[in-house]
Protein backbone atom coordinates (compact mmCIF):
# COMPACT_ATOMS: atom_id res chain seq x y z
CA UNK A 1 34.45 -15.04 -24.20
CA UNK A 2 34.51 -11.29 -23.49
CA UNK A 3 30.92 -10.99 -24.66
CA UNK A 4 29.68 -13.63 -22.16
CA UNK A 5 31.55 -11.89 -19.28
CA UNK A 6 29.87 -8.60 -20.20
CA UNK A 7 26.49 -10.39 -20.41
CA UNK A 8 27.02 -11.97 -16.97
CA UNK A 9 28.07 -8.63 -15.47
CA UNK A 10 25.03 -6.94 -17.02
CA UNK A 11 22.74 -9.65 -15.61
CA UNK A 12 24.29 -9.23 -12.14
CA UNK A 13 23.79 -5.45 -12.28
CA UNK A 14 20.17 -5.92 -13.41
CA UNK A 15 19.49 -8.40 -10.62
CA UNK A 16 20.96 -6.01 -8.02
CA UNK A 17 18.92 -3.09 -9.38
CA UNK A 18 15.79 -5.25 -9.50
CA UNK A 19 16.27 -6.37 -5.90
CA UNK A 20 16.71 -2.76 -4.77
CA UNK A 21 13.56 -1.68 -6.61
CA UNK A 22 11.60 -4.56 -5.06
CA UNK A 23 12.85 -3.67 -1.60
CA UNK A 24 11.88 -0.02 -2.05
CA UNK A 25 8.46 -1.06 -3.32
CA UNK A 26 7.96 -3.42 -0.39
CA UNK A 27 9.00 -0.72 2.11
CA UNK A 28 6.66 1.79 0.48
CA UNK A 29 3.77 -0.66 0.55
CA UNK A 30 4.38 -1.61 4.19
CA UNK A 31 4.68 2.01 5.33
CA UNK A 32 1.48 2.80 3.49
CA UNK A 33 -0.29 -0.13 5.19
CA UNK A 34 1.25 0.79 8.58
CA UNK A 35 1.32 4.61 8.59
CA UNK A 36 2.41 7.02 11.29
CA UNK A 37 -0.96 8.74 11.39
CA UNK A 38 -1.31 11.69 13.75
CA UNK A 39 2.44 11.47 14.29
CA UNK A 40 2.94 14.77 16.15
CA UNK A 41 0.12 14.01 18.60
CA UNK A 42 1.20 10.39 19.13
CA UNK A 43 4.82 11.35 19.84
CA UNK A 44 3.79 14.10 22.26
CA UNK A 45 1.21 12.05 24.18
CA UNK A 46 3.24 8.83 24.22
CA UNK A 47 6.21 10.74 25.63
CA UNK A 48 4.02 12.45 28.23
CA UNK A 49 2.67 9.08 29.46
CA UNK A 50 5.87 7.04 29.03
CA UNK A 51 4.25 4.72 26.48
CA UNK A 52 6.02 3.19 23.49
CA UNK A 53 4.68 5.06 20.44
CA UNK A 54 4.92 1.83 18.39
CA UNK A 55 2.36 0.35 20.77
CA UNK A 56 0.08 3.37 20.36
CA UNK A 57 0.21 2.95 16.58
CA UNK A 58 -0.38 -0.81 16.92
CA UNK A 59 -3.51 -0.20 19.02
CA UNK A 60 -4.83 2.51 16.66
CA UNK A 61 -4.28 0.22 13.65
CA UNK A 62 -6.17 -2.65 15.33
CA UNK A 63 -8.90 -0.51 16.87
CA UNK A 64 -9.91 1.92 14.13
CA UNK A 65 -7.38 1.65 11.29
CA UNK A 66 -6.79 5.37 11.87
CA UNK A 67 -10.42 6.41 11.38
CA UNK A 68 -11.12 9.19 13.92
CA UNK A 69 -14.87 8.76 13.40
CA UNK A 70 -14.93 5.00 14.11
CA UNK A 71 -17.61 3.71 16.48
CA UNK A 72 -17.78 0.08 17.62
CA UNK A 73 -20.87 -2.01 18.31
CA UNK A 74 -20.04 -1.59 22.03
CA UNK A 75 -20.04 2.21 21.69
CA UNK A 76 -16.25 2.69 21.74
CA UNK A 77 -15.27 5.83 19.85
CA UNK A 78 -12.45 7.36 17.88
CA UNK A 79 -8.95 6.35 16.93
CA UNK A 80 -8.14 4.27 20.02
CA UNK A 81 -11.74 3.12 20.56
CA UNK A 82 -12.47 4.29 24.09
CA UNK A 83 -15.93 3.75 25.57
CA UNK A 84 -17.66 6.73 27.17
CA UNK A 85 -17.61 4.98 30.60
CA UNK A 86 -13.87 4.35 30.38
CA UNK A 87 -13.40 7.93 29.20
CA UNK A 88 -15.28 9.29 32.24
CA UNK A 89 -13.06 7.16 34.51
CA UNK A 90 -9.88 8.25 32.69
CA UNK A 91 -10.84 11.91 33.15
CA UNK A 92 -10.59 11.36 36.92
CA UNK A 93 -7.04 10.02 36.41
CA UNK A 94 -5.83 12.73 34.00
CA UNK A 95 -7.08 15.80 35.75
CA UNK A 96 -6.91 18.55 33.16
CA UNK A 97 -9.51 20.90 34.58
CA UNK A 98 -11.61 20.37 31.45
CA UNK A 99 -14.81 18.34 31.35
CA UNK A 100 -15.10 16.51 28.05
CA UNK A 101 -18.17 14.81 26.64
CA UNK A 102 -18.22 11.43 24.93
CA UNK A 103 -18.33 13.21 21.54
CA UNK A 104 -14.88 14.65 22.28
CA UNK A 105 -13.54 11.11 21.78
CA UNK A 106 -13.84 11.81 18.03
CA UNK A 107 -11.23 14.55 18.39
CA UNK A 108 -7.85 12.94 17.60
CA UNK A 109 -5.82 14.83 20.23
CA UNK A 110 -8.30 14.02 23.02
CA UNK A 111 -8.66 10.38 21.99
CA UNK A 112 -4.91 9.77 21.67
CA UNK A 113 -4.18 11.58 24.97
CA UNK A 114 -6.66 9.45 26.89
CA UNK A 115 -5.73 6.28 24.98
CA UNK A 116 -2.10 6.81 25.95
CA UNK A 117 -3.13 7.42 29.55
CA UNK A 118 -5.15 4.20 29.52
CA UNK A 119 -2.21 2.24 28.14
CA UNK A 120 0.07 3.72 30.82
CA UNK A 121 -2.38 2.76 33.60
CA UNK A 122 -2.69 -0.77 32.22
CA UNK A 123 1.07 -1.18 31.87
CA UNK A 124 1.52 -0.03 35.47
CA UNK A 125 -1.20 -2.42 36.67
CA UNK A 126 -0.16 -5.48 34.63
CA UNK A 127 3.48 -6.33 34.08
CA UNK A 128 2.76 -8.66 31.14
CA UNK A 129 1.96 -6.96 27.82
CA UNK A 130 -0.61 -9.63 26.82
CA UNK A 131 -2.45 -9.10 30.11
CA UNK A 132 -2.43 -5.30 29.70
CA UNK A 133 -3.72 -5.53 26.10
CA UNK A 134 -6.39 -8.02 27.18
CA UNK A 135 -7.55 -5.46 29.75
CA UNK A 136 -7.63 -2.73 27.08
CA UNK A 137 -10.09 -4.87 25.12
CA UNK A 138 -12.05 -6.85 27.72
CA UNK A 139 -11.80 -4.48 30.69
CA UNK A 140 -9.78 -4.52 33.89
CA UNK A 141 -12.54 -6.18 35.93
CA UNK A 142 -12.77 -9.09 33.48
CA UNK A 143 -8.99 -9.54 33.37
CA UNK A 144 -8.73 -9.38 37.16
CA UNK A 145 -11.29 -12.23 37.35
CA UNK A 146 -9.22 -14.21 34.84
CA UNK A 147 -6.07 -13.67 36.89
CA UNK A 148 -7.81 -15.07 40.00
CA UNK A 149 -8.88 -18.22 38.11
CA UNK A 150 -6.13 -20.90 38.25
CA UNK A 151 -7.45 -22.50 35.08
CA UNK A 152 -6.70 -19.23 33.22
CA UNK A 153 -3.69 -17.91 35.15
CA UNK A 154 -1.39 -20.09 37.19
CA UNK A 155 0.52 -17.23 38.79
CA UNK A 156 -2.09 -14.43 38.92
CA UNK A 157 0.13 -12.29 36.67
CA UNK A 158 0.25 -13.92 33.27
CA UNK A 159 -2.66 -15.35 31.30
CA UNK A 160 -2.22 -18.95 30.17
CA UNK A 161 -5.07 -18.42 27.75
CA UNK A 162 -7.50 -15.68 26.81
CA UNK A 163 -11.07 -16.96 27.33
CA UNK A 164 -12.77 -14.49 24.96
CA UNK A 165 -12.07 -15.30 21.29
CA UNK A 166 -12.60 -11.62 20.34
CA UNK A 167 -10.00 -10.51 22.91
CA UNK A 168 -7.60 -13.23 21.81
CA UNK A 169 -7.88 -12.05 18.18
CA UNK A 170 -7.49 -8.44 19.28
CA UNK A 171 -4.34 -9.11 21.33
CA UNK A 172 -2.81 -11.12 18.44
CA UNK A 173 -3.57 -8.30 16.00
CA UNK A 174 -2.04 -5.64 18.25
CA UNK A 175 1.09 -7.73 18.85
CA UNK A 176 1.50 -8.33 15.09
CA UNK A 177 1.03 -4.62 14.42
CA UNK A 178 3.48 -3.75 17.18
CA UNK A 179 6.15 -6.05 15.74
CA UNK A 180 5.60 -4.59 12.26
CA UNK A 181 5.88 -0.99 13.52
CA UNK A 182 9.08 -1.86 15.42
CA UNK A 183 10.54 -3.40 12.26
CA UNK A 184 9.48 -0.61 9.88
CA UNK A 185 10.40 2.42 11.97
CA UNK A 186 13.24 3.20 14.34
CA UNK A 187 12.85 5.48 17.31
CA UNK A 188 15.10 6.82 20.04
CA UNK A 189 13.52 5.29 23.12
CA UNK A 190 10.14 4.62 24.71
CA UNK A 191 8.17 7.77 24.20
CA UNK A 192 10.84 8.88 21.73
CA UNK A 193 10.65 10.05 18.16
CA UNK A 194 10.26 7.74 15.17
CA UNK A 195 12.78 8.03 12.37
CA UNK A 196 12.38 6.84 8.84
């Protein structure tokens, strides 16, 4: 009888240890798949623009998977995939007294700074996150047309559907990434520091 109690206790201990090891392995895998790349820059720029750093990471993951040299078929560049035209426009909004060229979008600090600024502008313009992310991908002019179309937006604020399949996939990917980052990492507040 004593031997079977010891065996049962040993099995319980082994199951608990095994579960802990699996959990640690899962956390390690997820944090490797969803890294905090360019952490110092992201925290600084997200805080400066009042943008949730988890959203910045979610956009970078979807846009470039943290490749600072990424270039899209549409000519978007760098970590947060900003087009040269959008970059020129953003430079008029974030007056730094420096004139950057499109090649500067491959510099992580510049790209993240202007990507955070773009997210801040879009969040101020559109109260719904899906609408703001749609504008990040499809452009503000396109999204404004969608909002004026009652078959796409009943209230002119929220999109009932996203007409472009590419934009719909993009928004879904960013929202999934965002949820994953929020679950994996804790942070103080919007623009605050990640812990973990």
